[in-house]
C-alpha atoms as a PDB file:
ATOM      1  CA  MET A   1      47.043 -25.827-160.285  1.00  0.00           C
ATOM      2  CA  HIS A   2      43.967 -26.499-158.967  1.00  0.00           C
ATOM      3  CA  ASP A   3      44.503 -30.330-160.201  1.00  0.00           C
ATOM      4  CA  SER A   4      47.580 -30.588-157.371  1.00  0.00           C
ATOM      5  CA  ILE A   5      45.235 -30.195-155.016  1.00  0.00           C
ATOM      6  CA  THR A   6      44.830 -33.435-152.242  1.00  0.00           C
ATOM      7  CA  LEU A   7      42.507 -35.108-150.789  1.00  0.00           C
ATOM      8  CA  ASP A   8      44.763 -35.432-147.689  1.00  0.00           C
ATOM      9  CA  GLN A   9      44.475 -31.152-147.758  1.00  0.00           C
ATOM     10  CA  LEU A  10      40.682 -30.963-147.895  1.00  0.00           C
ATOM     11  CA  ARG A  11      40.628 -33.214-144.858  1.00  0.00           C
ATOM     12  CA  THR A  12      42.917 -31.378-142.943  1.00  0.00           C
ATOM     13  CA  PHE A  13      40.456 -27.976-143.996  1.00  0.00           C
ATOM     14  CA  ILE A  14      37.830 -29.754-142.539  1.00  0.00           C
ATOM     15  CA  ALA A  15      39.048 -31.299-139.493  1.00  0.00           C
ATOM     16  CA  VAL A  16      40.731 -27.504-139.172  1.00  0.00           C
ATOM     17  CA  ALA A  17      36.810 -26.653-139.230  1.00  0.00           C
ATOM     18  CA  ASP A  18      35.612 -28.889-137.019  1.00  0.00           C
ATOM     19  CA  GLU A  19      37.881 -28.530-134.484  1.00  0.00           C
ATOM     20  CA  GLY A  20      38.260 -24.684-134.662  1.00  0.00           C
ATOM     21  CA  SER A  21      41.785 -24.381-134.354  1.00  0.00           C
ATOM     22  CA  PHE A  22      44.879 -25.462-135.899  1.00  0.00           C
ATOM     23  CA  SER A  23      46.119 -26.654-132.819  1.00  0.00           C
ATOM     24  CA  ALA A  24      43.345 -29.183-131.971  1.00  0.00           C
ATOM     25  CA  ALA A  25      43.395 -30.061-135.754  1.00  0.00           C
ATOM     26  CA  ALA A  26      46.758 -31.290-135.341  1.00  0.00           C
ATOM     27  CA  ARG A  27      46.110 -33.100-131.929  1.00  0.00           C
ATOM     28  CA  LYS A  28      43.118 -34.964-133.673  1.00  0.00           C
ATOM     29  CA  LEU A  29      45.191 -35.567-137.087  1.00  0.00           C
ATOM     30  CA  ARG A  30      48.449 -36.072-135.032  1.00  0.00           C
ATOM     31  CA  ARG A  31      50.452 -33.998-136.784  1.00  0.00           C
ATOM     32  CA  VAL A  32      52.395 -30.847-135.558  1.00  0.00           C
ATOM     33  CA  GLN A  33      50.413 -27.216-135.961  1.00  0.00           C
ATOM     34  CA  SER A  34      53.203 -26.455-137.983  1.00  0.00           C
ATOM     35  CA  ALA A  35      51.829 -29.356-140.931  1.00  0.00           C
ATOM     36  CA  VAL A  36      48.707 -28.524-140.872  1.00  0.00           C
ATOM     37  CA  SER A  37      49.092 -24.365-140.776  1.00  0.00           C
ATOM     38  CA  HIS A  38      51.452 -25.221-144.295  1.00  0.00           C
ATOM     39  CA  ALA A  39      48.693 -27.562-145.388  1.00  0.00           C
ATOM     40  CA  MET A  40      46.092 -24.433-145.092  1.00  0.00           C
ATOM     41  CA  ALA A  41      48.453 -22.392-146.424  1.00  0.00           C
ATOM     42  CA  ASN A  42      49.169 -24.363-149.521  1.00  0.00           C
ATOM     43  CA  LEU A  43      45.682 -25.036-149.940  1.00  0.00           C
ATOM     44  CA  GLU A  44      44.736 -21.502-150.118  1.00  0.00           C
ATOM     45  CA  GLY A  45      48.299 -20.518-152.918  1.00  0.00           C
ATOM     46  CA  GLN A  46      46.209 -23.437-155.005  1.00  0.00           C
ATOM     47  CA  LEU A  47      42.446 -22.241-154.612  1.00  0.00           C
ATOM     48  CA  GLY A  48      43.787 -18.141-155.447  1.00  0.00           C
ATOM     49  CA  VAL A  49      41.535 -17.714-152.559  1.00  0.00           C
ATOM     50  CA  VAL A  50      42.146 -16.624-148.683  1.00  0.00           C
ATOM     51  CA  LEU A  51      40.430 -19.518-146.487  1.00  0.00           C
ATOM     52  CA  TRP A  52      41.131 -18.310-142.934  1.00  0.00           C
ATOM     53  CA  ASP A  53      41.080 -15.200-141.227  1.00  0.00           C
ATOM     54  CA  ARG A  54      44.702 -15.128-139.161  1.00  0.00           C
ATOM     55  CA  SER A  55      44.262 -11.612-137.990  1.00  0.00           C
ATOM     56  CA  THR A  56      42.553 -13.203-134.446  1.00  0.00           C
ATOM     57  CA  ARG A  57      44.339 -15.462-131.860  1.00  0.00           C
ATOM     58  CA  ILE A  58      42.199 -18.428-133.540  1.00  0.00           C
ATOM     59  CA  PRO A  59      41.832 -18.171-137.376  1.00  0.00           C
ATOM     60  CA  ALA A  60      38.265 -17.658-138.714  1.00  0.00           C
ATOM     61  CA  LEU A  61      36.824 -18.465-141.644  1.00  0.00           C
ATOM     62  CA  THR A  62      36.582 -16.051-144.343  1.00  0.00           C
ATOM     63  CA  GLU A  63      33.673 -15.962-146.385  1.00  0.00           C
ATOM     64  CA  HIS A  64      35.184 -17.759-149.100  1.00  0.00           C
ATOM     65  CA  GLY A  65      36.438 -20.407-146.794  1.00  0.00           C
ATOM     66  CA  ARG A  66      32.694 -20.632-145.696  1.00  0.00           C
ATOM     67  CA  VAL A  67      31.413 -21.806-149.168  1.00  0.00           C
ATOM     68  CA  LEU A  68      34.677 -24.139-150.068  1.00  0.00           C
ATOM     69  CA  LEU A  69      34.450 -25.554-146.762  1.00  0.00           C
ATOM     70  CA  GLY A  70      31.226 -27.124-147.860  1.00  0.00           C
ATOM     71  CA  ALA A  71      32.767 -27.659-151.755  1.00  0.00           C
ATOM     72  CA  ALA A  72      35.449 -29.817-149.418  1.00  0.00           C
ATOM     73  CA  ARG A  73      33.056 -31.357-148.037  1.00  0.00           C
ATOM     74  CA  ARG A  74      31.231 -32.743-150.426  1.00  0.00           C
ATOM     75  CA  VAL A  75      34.613 -33.414-152.394  1.00  0.00           C
ATOM     76  CA  CYS A  76      35.665 -36.240-149.577  1.00  0.00           C
ATOM     77  CA  ALA A  77      32.372 -37.425-149.239  1.00  0.00           C
ATOM     78  CA  ASP A  78      32.259 -38.837-153.465  1.00  0.00           C
ATOM     79  CA  ALA A  79      35.580 -40.058-152.699  1.00  0.00           C
ATOM     80  CA  ASP A  80      34.571 -41.980-150.181  1.00  0.00           C
ATOM     81  CA  ALA A  81      31.537 -43.368-151.834  1.00  0.00           C
ATOM     82  CA  LEU A  82      33.787 -44.161-154.470  1.00  0.00           C
ATOM     83  CA  SER A  83      36.348 -46.370-152.509  1.00  0.00           C
ATOM     84  CA  SER A  84      33.493 -47.606-150.335  1.00  0.00           C
ATOM     85  CA  ALA A  85      32.029 -48.560-154.302  1.00  0.00           C
ATOM     86  CA  ALA A  86      35.249 -50.216-155.387  1.00  0.00           C
ATOM     87  CA  GLN A  87      35.623 -52.170-151.886  1.00  0.00           C
ATOM     88  CA  ARG A  88      32.016 -53.650-152.092  1.00  0.00           C
ATOM     89  CA  LEU A  89      32.531 -54.457-156.454  1.00  0.00           C
ATOM     90  CA  ALA A  90      35.916 -56.029-155.063  1.00  0.00           C
ATOM     91  CA  GLY A  91      34.442 -58.181-152.756  1.00  0.00           C
ATOM     92  CA  GLY A  92      31.565 -59.254-155.248  1.00  0.00           C
ATOM     93  CA  LEU A  93      28.392 -57.015-154.385  1.00  0.00           C
ATOM     94  CA  ASP A  94      26.557 -56.109-156.871  1.00  0.00           C
ATOM     95  CA  PRO A  95      26.404 -52.488-157.582  1.00  0.00           C
ATOM     96  CA  LEU A  96      22.608 -52.758-159.118  1.00  0.00           C
ATOM     97  CA  VAL A  97      19.973 -54.887-159.214  1.00  0.00           C
ATOM     98  CA  SER A  98      16.846 -54.531-161.835  1.00  0.00           C
ATOM     99  CA  LEU A  99      13.729 -56.329-161.781  1.00  0.00           C
ATOM    100  CA  CYS A 100      10.242 -56.276-163.641  1.00  0.00           C
ATOM    101  CA  VAL A 101       7.130 -58.159-162.763  1.00  0.00           C
ATOM    102  CA  ASP A 102       4.162 -58.581-163.798  1.00  0.00           C
ATOM    103  CA  ALA A 103       0.961 -57.020-162.510  1.00  0.00           C
ATOM    104  CA  VAL A 104      -0.562 -59.912-161.540  1.00  0.00           C
ATOM    105  CA  PHE A 105       2.237 -60.078-159.259  1.00  0.00           C
ATOM    106  CA  PRO A 106       0.985 -59.122-155.577  1.00  0.00           C
ATOM    107  CA  LEU A 107       1.734 -55.643-154.974  1.00  0.00           C
ATOM    108  CA  SER A 108       2.077 -55.845-150.996  1.00  0.00           C
ATOM    109  CA  ALA A 109       5.037 -58.712-151.923  1.00  0.00           C
ATOM    110  CA  LEU A 110       6.480 -56.289-154.043  1.00  0.00           C
ATOM    111  CA  VAL A 111       6.866 -52.929-151.461  1.00  0.00           C
ATOM    112  CA  ASP A 112       8.026 -55.669-148.465  1.00  0.00           C
ATOM    113  CA  LEU A 113      10.132 -56.647-151.284  1.00  0.00           C
ATOM    114  CA  CYS A 114      11.606 -53.192-151.525  1.00  0.00           C
ATOM    115  CA  VAL A 115      11.700 -52.396-148.169  1.00  0.00           C
ATOM    116  CA  GLU A 116      13.734 -55.282-146.923  1.00  0.00           C
ATOM    117  CA  PHE A 117      16.633 -54.853-149.553  1.00  0.00           C
ATOM    118  CA  ALA A 118      16.687 -51.033-148.680  1.00  0.00           C
ATOM    119  CA  ARG A 119      17.577 -52.107-145.108  1.00  0.00           C
ATOM    120  CA  VAL A 120      19.525 -55.253-146.276  1.00  0.00           C
ATOM    121  CA  TYR A 121      21.618 -53.719-148.799  1.00  0.00           C
ATOM    122  CA  PRO A 122      21.096 -50.064-148.456  1.00  0.00           C
ATOM    123  CA  THR A 123      23.996 -49.094-150.574  1.00  0.00           C
ATOM    124  CA  VAL A 124      23.069 -51.203-153.690  1.00  0.00           C
ATOM    125  CA  GLU A 125      20.838 -49.691-156.427  1.00  0.00           C
ATOM    126  CA  LEU A 126      17.553 -51.809-156.610  1.00  0.00           C
ATOM    127  CA  VAL A 127      15.909 -50.848-160.137  1.00  0.00           C
ATOM    128  CA  VAL A 128      11.799 -51.568-160.618  1.00  0.00           C
ATOM    129  CA  HIS A 129       9.582 -52.677-163.526  1.00  0.00           C
ATOM    130  CA  THR A 130       6.245 -53.472-163.466  1.00  0.00           C
ATOM    131  CA  GLU A 131       4.930 -54.433-167.128  1.00  0.00           C
ATOM    132  CA  THR A 132       1.651 -56.688-168.585  1.00  0.00           C
ATOM    133  CA  MET A 133       2.089 -60.074-170.425  1.00  0.00           C
ATOM    134  CA  SER A 134       4.795 -60.424-172.443  1.00  0.00           C
ATOM    135  CA  ALA A 135       6.357 -56.899-171.560  1.00  0.00           C
ATOM    136  CA  VAL A 136       8.096 -58.090-168.213  1.00  0.00           C
ATOM    137  CA  ALA A 137      10.309 -61.019-170.592  1.00  0.00           C
ATOM    138  CA  ASP A 138      10.966 -58.182-173.441  1.00  0.00           C
ATOM    139  CA  ARG A 139      12.575 -56.405-170.661  1.00  0.00           C
ATOM    140  CA  VAL A 140      14.626 -59.200-169.284  1.00  0.00           C
ATOM    141  CA  LEU A 141      15.149 -60.282-173.062  1.00  0.00           C
ATOM    142  CA  ASP A 142      16.555 -56.659-174.206  1.00  0.00           C
ATOM    143  CA  GLY A 143      19.396 -56.474-170.596  1.00  0.00           C
ATOM    144  CA  THR A 144      16.544 -53.448-168.987  1.00  0.00           C
ATOM    145  CA  CYS A 145      16.292 -55.828-166.096  1.00  0.00           C
ATOM    146  CA  GLN A 146      18.217 -59.206-164.985  1.00  0.00           C
ATOM    147  CA  LEU A 147      15.042 -60.737-163.206  1.00  0.00           C
ATOM    148  CA  GLY A 148      11.613 -60.932-164.171  1.00  0.00           C
ATOM    149  CA  VAL A 149       8.244 -62.244-162.721  1.00  0.00           C
ATOM    150  CA  VAL A 150       5.687 -63.619-165.509  1.00  0.00           C
ATOM    151  CA  GLY A 151       2.849 -65.136-166.230  1.00  0.00           C
ATOM    152  CA  PRO A 152       2.297 -68.175-168.735  1.00  0.00           C
ATOM    153  CA  ALA A 153       0.929 -65.308-171.334  1.00  0.00           C
ATOM    154  CA  ALA A 154       4.564 -64.086-171.619  1.00  0.00           C
ATOM    155  CA  ALA A 155       6.747 -65.016-174.335  1.00  0.00           C
ATOM    156  CA  ALA A 156       9.890 -66.091-172.514  1.00  0.00           C
ATOM    157  CA  GLN A 157      11.977 -68.248-175.090  1.00  0.00           C
ATOM    158  CA  GLY A 158      15.278 -68.304-174.520  1.00  0.00           C
ATOM    159  CA  LEU A 159      15.186 -67.429-170.581  1.00  0.00           C
ATOM    160  CA  GLU A 160      15.788 -69.507-167.700  1.00  0.00           C
ATOM    161  CA  ARG A 161      12.056 -70.116-165.668  1.00  0.00           C
ATOM    162  CA  ARG A 162      11.752 -70.921-162.223  1.00  0.00           C
ATOM    163  CA  HIS A 163       8.265 -71.556-161.241  1.00  0.00           C
ATOM    164  CA  LEU A 164       6.919 -69.128-158.326  1.00  0.00           C
ATOM    165  CA  THR A 165       3.333 -69.985-157.481  1.00  0.00           C
ATOM    166  CA  SER A 166       0.042 -69.986-158.760  1.00  0.00           C
ATOM    167  CA  VAL A 167      -2.221 -67.160-159.056  1.00  0.00           C
ATOM    168  CA  ARG A 168      -5.982 -67.877-158.729  1.00  0.00           C
ATOM    169  CA  MET A 169      -7.665 -65.684-160.636  1.00  0.00           C
ATOM    170  CA  VAL A 170     -11.597 -65.324-159.729  1.00  0.00           C
ATOM    171  CA  PRO A 171     -14.311 -64.201-161.840  1.00  0.00           C
ATOM    172  CA  VAL A 172     -16.126 -61.452-160.178  1.00  0.00           C
ATOM    173  CA  ALA A 173     -19.087 -58.792-161.200  1.00  0.00           C
ATOM    174  CA  GLY A 174     -19.801 -55.443-159.171  1.00  0.00           C
ATOM    175  CA  GLU A 175     -22.395 -55.980-156.584  1.00  0.00           C
ATOM    176  CA  ALA A 176     -25.396 -54.404-159.029  1.00  0.00           C
ATOM    177  CA  HIS A 177     -24.410 -56.160-162.145  1.00  0.00           C
ATOM    178  CA  PRO A 178     -27.060 -58.148-163.806  1.00  0.00           C
ATOM    179  CA  LEU A 179     -25.008 -61.416-163.563  1.00  0.00           C
ATOM    180  CA  ALA A 180     -24.163 -60.608-159.596  1.00  0.00           C
ATOM    181  CA  ALA A 181     -27.877 -61.307-159.365  1.00  0.00           C
ATOM    182  CA  ALA A 182     -28.169 -64.372-161.543  1.00  0.00           C
ATOM    183  CA  GLN A 183     -25.315 -65.625-159.207  1.00  0.00           C
ATOM    184  CA  ARG A 184     -27.132 -65.201-156.352  1.00  0.00           C
ATOM    185  CA  ARG A 185     -30.512 -66.460-157.953  1.00  0.00           C
ATOM    186  CA  GLU A 186     -29.002 -69.372-159.867  1.00  0.00           C
ATOM    187  CA  GLY A 187     -25.586 -70.376-157.652  1.00  0.00           C
ATOM    188  CA  ARG A 188     -24.153 -70.341-161.292  1.00  0.00           C
ATOM    189  CA  VAL A 189     -24.174 -68.284-164.351  1.00  0.00           C
ATOM    190  CA  ALA A 190     -24.603 -69.647-167.468  1.00  0.00           C
ATOM    191  CA  THR A 191     -22.823 -69.674-170.753  1.00  0.00           C
ATOM    192  CA  GLU A 192     -25.141 -67.284-172.711  1.00  0.00           C
ATOM    193  CA  PRO A 193     -25.781 -64.153-170.097  1.00  0.00           C
ATOM    194  CA  LEU A 194     -21.662 -64.270-169.377  1.00  0.00           C
ATOM    195  CA  ARG A 195     -21.320 -63.599-173.498  1.00  0.00           C
ATOM    196  CA  GLU A 196     -24.125 -60.938-173.643  1.00  0.00           C
ATOM    197  CA  HIS A 197     -22.143 -59.207-171.240  1.00  0.00           C
ATOM    198  CA  VAL A 198     -18.709 -56.730-171.496  1.00  0.00           C
ATOM    199  CA  GLN A 199     -16.014 -58.695-170.104  1.00  0.00           C
ATOM    200  CA  ILE A 200     -13.117 -56.511-169.276  1.00  0.00           C
ATOM    201  CA  VAL A 201      -9.821 -57.987-170.372  1.00  0.00           C
ATOM    202  CA  LEU A 202      -6.406 -57.212-169.130  1.00  0.00           C
ATOM    203  CA  SER A 203      -4.288 -56.401-172.586  1.00  0.00           C
ATOM    204  CA  GLU A 204      -1.017 -55.304-173.484  1.00  0.00           C
ATOM    205  CA  ARG A 205       0.509 -51.743-174.035  1.00  0.00           C
ATOM    206  CA  GLY A 206       0.673 -50.840-177.215  1.00  0.00           C
ATOM    207  CA  GLY A 207      -1.238 -53.429-179.518  1.00  0.00           C
ATOM    208  CA  ALA A 208       0.803 -55.961-178.681  1.00  0.00           C
ATOM    209  CA  ARG A 209      -1.709 -59.045-178.085  1.00  0.00           C
ATOM    210  CA  SER A 210      -0.701 -62.081-176.337  1.00  0.00           C
ATOM    211  CA  PRO A 211      -3.073 -65.577-176.264  1.00  0.00           C
ATOM    212  CA  GLU A 212      -6.526 -64.781-175.102  1.00  0.00           C
ATOM    213  CA  GLN A 213      -7.199 -66.443-171.874  1.00  0.00           C
ATOM    214  CA  ALA A 214     -10.373 -67.603-170.283  1.00  0.00           C
ATOM    215  CA  VAL A 215     -12.312 -64.833-172.864  1.00  0.00           C
ATOM    216  CA  LEU A 216     -15.503 -65.836-173.219  1.00  0.00           C
ATOM    217  CA  SER A 217     -17.857 -63.169-174.402  1.00  0.00           C
ATOM    218  CA  PRO A 218     -16.737 -61.603-177.586  1.00  0.00           C
ATOM    219  CA  ARG A 219     -17.704 -57.986-176.112  1.00  0.00           C
ATOM    220  CA  THR A 220     -14.370 -56.885-174.267  1.00  0.00           C
ATOM    221  CA  TRP A 221     -13.039 -53.814-172.735  1.00  0.00           C
ATOM    222  CA  ARG A 222      -8.958 -53.772-172.975  1.00  0.00           C
ATOM    223  CA  VAL A 223      -7.075 -52.179-169.663  1.00  0.00           C
ATOM    224  CA  VAL A 224      -3.375 -52.369-169.613  1.00  0.00           C
ATOM    225  CA  ASP A 225      -3.193 -52.575-165.816  1.00  0.00           C
ATOM    226  CA  LEU A 226      -5.190 -54.470-162.897  1.00  0.00           C
ATOM    227  CA  GLN A 227      -6.332 -51.180-160.636  1.00  0.00           C
ATOM    228  CA  THR A 228      -8.385 -50.143-163.486  1.00  0.00           C
ATOM    229  CA  LYS A 229     -10.223 -53.288-164.106  1.00  0.00           C
ATOM    230  CA  ARG A 230     -10.628 -53.556-160.650  1.00  0.00           C
ATOM    231  CA  GLU A 231     -12.627 -50.365-160.242  1.00  0.00           C
ATOM    232  CA  LEU A 232     -14.366 -51.037-163.764  1.00  0.00           C
ATOM    233  CA  LEU A 233     -15.828 -54.176-161.824  1.00  0.00           C
ATOM    234  CA  CYS A 234     -16.785 -52.237-159.074  1.00  0.00           C
ATOM    235  CA  ALA A 235     -18.710 -49.972-160.672  1.00  0.00           C
ATOM    236  CA  GLY A 236     -20.820 -52.401-162.434  1.00  0.00           C
ATOM    237  CA  LEU A 237     -19.681 -51.864-166.255  1.00  0.00           C
ATOM    238  CA  GLY A 238     -18.765 -55.359-166.641  1.00  0.00           C
ATOM    239  CA  TRP A 239     -17.036 -58.605-165.916  1.00  0.00           C
ATOM    240  CA  GLY A 240     -13.896 -60.671-165.865  1.00  0.00           C
ATOM    241  CA  ASN A 241     -11.254 -62.134-163.833  1.00  0.00           C
ATOM    242  CA  LEU A 242      -9.048 -60.428-160.893  1.00  0.00           C
ATOM    243  CA  PRO A 243      -6.065 -62.029-158.812  1.00  0.00           C
ATOM    244  CA  GLU A 244      -8.014 -63.779-154.972  1.00  0.00           C
ATOM    245  CA  HIS A 245      -5.511 -62.306-153.112  1.00  0.00           C
ATOM    246  CA  MET A 246      -6.133 -58.004-155.087  1.00  0.00           C
ATOM    247  CA  ILE A 247      -9.909 -58.609-154.140  1.00  0.00           C
ATOM    248  CA  ARG A 248     -10.509 -60.737-150.800  1.00  0.00           C
ATOM    249  CA  GLU A 249     -11.476 -57.195-149.260  1.00  0.00           C
ATOM    250  CA  ASP A 250     -13.960 -56.225-151.837  1.00  0.00           C
ATOM    251  CA  LEU A 251     -15.410 -59.863-152.124  1.00  0.00           C
ATOM    252  CA  ARG A 252     -15.737 -59.805-147.870  1.00  0.00           C
ATOM    253  CA  THR A 253     -17.654 -56.392-148.157  1.00  0.00           C
ATOM    254  CA  GLY A 254     -20.001 -57.796-151.333  1.00  0.00           C
ATOM    255  CA  ARG A 255     -18.510 -55.040-153.193  1.00  0.00           C
ATOM    256  CA  LEU A 256     -17.573 -57.483-155.756  1.00  0.00           C
ATOM    257  CA  VAL A 257     -19.368 -61.031-156.193  1.00  0.00           C
ATOM    258  CA  ARG A 258     -17.698 -64.240-157.379  1.00  0.00           C
ATOM    259  CA  LEU A 259     -19.126 -65.852-160.394  1.00  0.00           C
ATOM    260  CA  ARG A 260     -19.197 -69.617-160.940  1.00  0.00           C
ATOM    261  CA  PRO A 261     -19.455 -69.931-164.537  1.00  0.00           C
ATOM    262  CA  GLU A 262     -21.161 -73.303-165.649  1.00  0.00           C
ATOM    263  CA  ALA A 263     -18.657 -73.452-168.905  1.00  0.00           C
ATOM    264  CA  TRP A 264     -15.539 -73.606-166.588  1.00  0.00           C
ATOM    265  CA  GLY A 265     -17.193 -76.312-164.301  1.00  0.00           C
ATOM    266  CA  GLU A 266     -15.336 -76.715-160.739  1.00  0.00           C
ATOM    267  CA  ASP A 267     -11.880 -75.964-162.850  1.00  0.00           C
ATOM    268  CA  GLU A 268      -9.705 -73.549-160.670  1.00  0.00           C
ATOM    269  CA  HIS A 269      -8.410 -70.662-162.756  1.00  0.00           C
ATOM    270  CA  LEU A 270      -4.649 -70.769-161.799  1.00  0.00           C
ATOM    271  CA  LEU A 271      -2.041 -68.402-163.224  1.00  0.00           C
ATOM    272  CA  SER A 272       1.306 -69.633-163.271  1.00  0.00           C
ATOM    273  CA  LEU A 273       3.526 -67.006-161.607  1.00  0.00           C
ATOM    274  CA  ALA A 274       7.665 -68.107-162.416  1.00  0.00           C
ATOM    275  CA  VAL A 275      11.192 -65.618-162.772  1.00  0.00           C
ATOM    276  CA  VAL A 276      13.258 -65.386-165.584  1.00  0.00           C
ATOM    277  CA  HIS A 277      16.601 -64.500-165.974  1.00  0.00           C
ATOM    278  CA  ARG A 278      18.915 -64.911-169.357  1.00  0.00           C
ATOM    279  CA  PRO A 279      20.940 -68.138-169.333  1.00  0.00           C
ATOM    280  CA  ALA A 280      24.344 -66.376-168.609  1.00  0.00           C
ATOM    281  CA  LEU A 281      23.094 -64.236-165.701  1.00  0.00           C
ATOM    282  CA  VAL A 282      25.686 -64.192-162.984  1.00  0.00           C
ATOM    283  CA  LEU A 283      24.199 -62.694-159.487  1.00  0.00           C
ATOM    284  CA  GLY A 284      26.278 -60.826-156.847  1.00  0.00           C
ATOM    285  CA  PRO A 285      24.603 -61.418-153.377  1.00  0.00           C
ATOM    286  CA  ALA A 286      22.327 -58.766-153.820  1.00  0.00           C
ATOM    287  CA  GLY A 287      20.580 -60.587-156.649  1.00  0.00           C
ATOM    288  CA  GLN A 288      20.573 -63.991-155.162  1.00  0.00           C
ATOM    289  CA  TRP A 289      18.690 -62.372-152.295  1.00  0.00           C
ATOM    290  CA  VAL A 290      16.257 -60.800-154.232  1.00  0.00           C
ATOM    291  CA  LEU A 291      15.375 -64.495-155.930  1.00  0.00           C
ATOM    292  CA  LYS A 292      15.388 -66.005-152.611  1.00  0.00           C
ATOM    293  CA  ARG A 293      12.770 -63.443-151.533  1.00  0.00           C
ATOM    294  CA  LEU A 294      10.724 -63.404-154.033  1.00  0.00           C
ATOM    295  CA  VAL A 295      10.365 -67.173-153.647  1.00  0.00           C
ATOM    296  CA  GLU A 296       9.416 -66.705-150.012  1.00  0.00           C
ATOM    297  CA  LEU A 297       7.613 -63.519-150.125  1.00  0.00           C
ATOM    298  CA  CYS A 298       5.408 -65.428-153.114  1.00  0.00           C
ATOM    299  CA  CYS A 299       4.536 -67.947-150.435  1.00  0.00           C
ATOM    300  CA  GLU A 300       3.338 -65.210-147.483  1.00  0.00           C
ATOM    301  CA  HIS A 301       1.278 -63.538-150.004  1.00  0.00           C
ATOM    302  CA  VAL A 302       0.109 -65.604-152.448  1.00  0.00           C
ATOM    303  CA  GLY A 303       0.812 -69.542-151.099  1.00  0.00           C
ATOM    304  CA  GLY A 304       3.559 -71.763-152.000  1.00  0.00           C
ATOM    305  CA  PRO A 305       4.444 -73.254-155.506  1.00  0.00           C
ATOM    306  CA  ARG A 306       1.217 -75.253-156.987  1.00  0.00           C
END
C-alpha cells in the first residue's frame, strides 16, 4: 500500500542515489548495508516498480527510479518545510504579514521595506497592496490586511492609529502651462486663474468619494493613481498637488514648476500619514519589525513625524 511509505524510506532512497551505492549510503546513514537493501526492497514492493538495476556490481537507477527520485526529493523537501513552518509557529513567528499603503507613501520606502523584509524574514510571506484614500482602511477593516498606511481622507473609525509623518504636497504645473508662466512672472498665482484651468485630482476607485482636499477649480479631471496624475501635469494638461518626494527631480529640471496660490498664503499643504490596524491585532516578530521599519523609513525618505 502506498500510504505505508515512510519518509525514512524516501530519505534512504535519496541517500543511495546521492552516494552512488548501498554501502556508501549505509555509511552516511550509519546503518548496516543489509538494512539499506531491505528498505529499498520494501519501497519497490510498495510502489510496485523496480527502482534499482541490480544486474551490475553497483546497482544503478532504472528509468522509473530516476523519475521517482525527483518526486521523492520533492516530498522530503515539503516535509522539511512543513516541519520548519510548525517550529516557527510554535516559536511565535508570523506565518504571513499583510500591508496596504496609500499611493502617497513613497515608493522608494516601500521597495526598501520589501527588500529588507525578504532578507530578515525569508520564510515569512509578505503581501503588499497599494490603494488610495479610504480603500486602504477598508482593506484593514475587512481583514484583508493586518496593517495599513492611510492619509487623512481615510475613514478609519474602529482602527488603532499611529502617526508616521506628514508629506508635503506641492501645487505644480507643467513648464509650458499658462499657470507656470504666471508664477514665473508674478511670483504668485491668483485664485481666479487657478479656477479657470483644469485641476487634476486624485480620486478613489469604484466611484467612492472622500472629502475634497485643496480643490480650488470647478473644472477637475479625476485619476486613481499618482503616476498618471504626474504625467498629465508634466504634459501641461492642468495643475494639481503632488507629493514633494515624488517630484524633486521634476522640480530641479524645470519639467514641473511649483505654484504659490494666493489663496493658500504661506501655509504648507501637509498630508498626514498614519499606520492603522484593528484593535485586537496581535503581531508576531515579523509584523512588529514591519511596524518599526515603517516609522524609520518614513524618517529616511520623507522626514520625521511632524
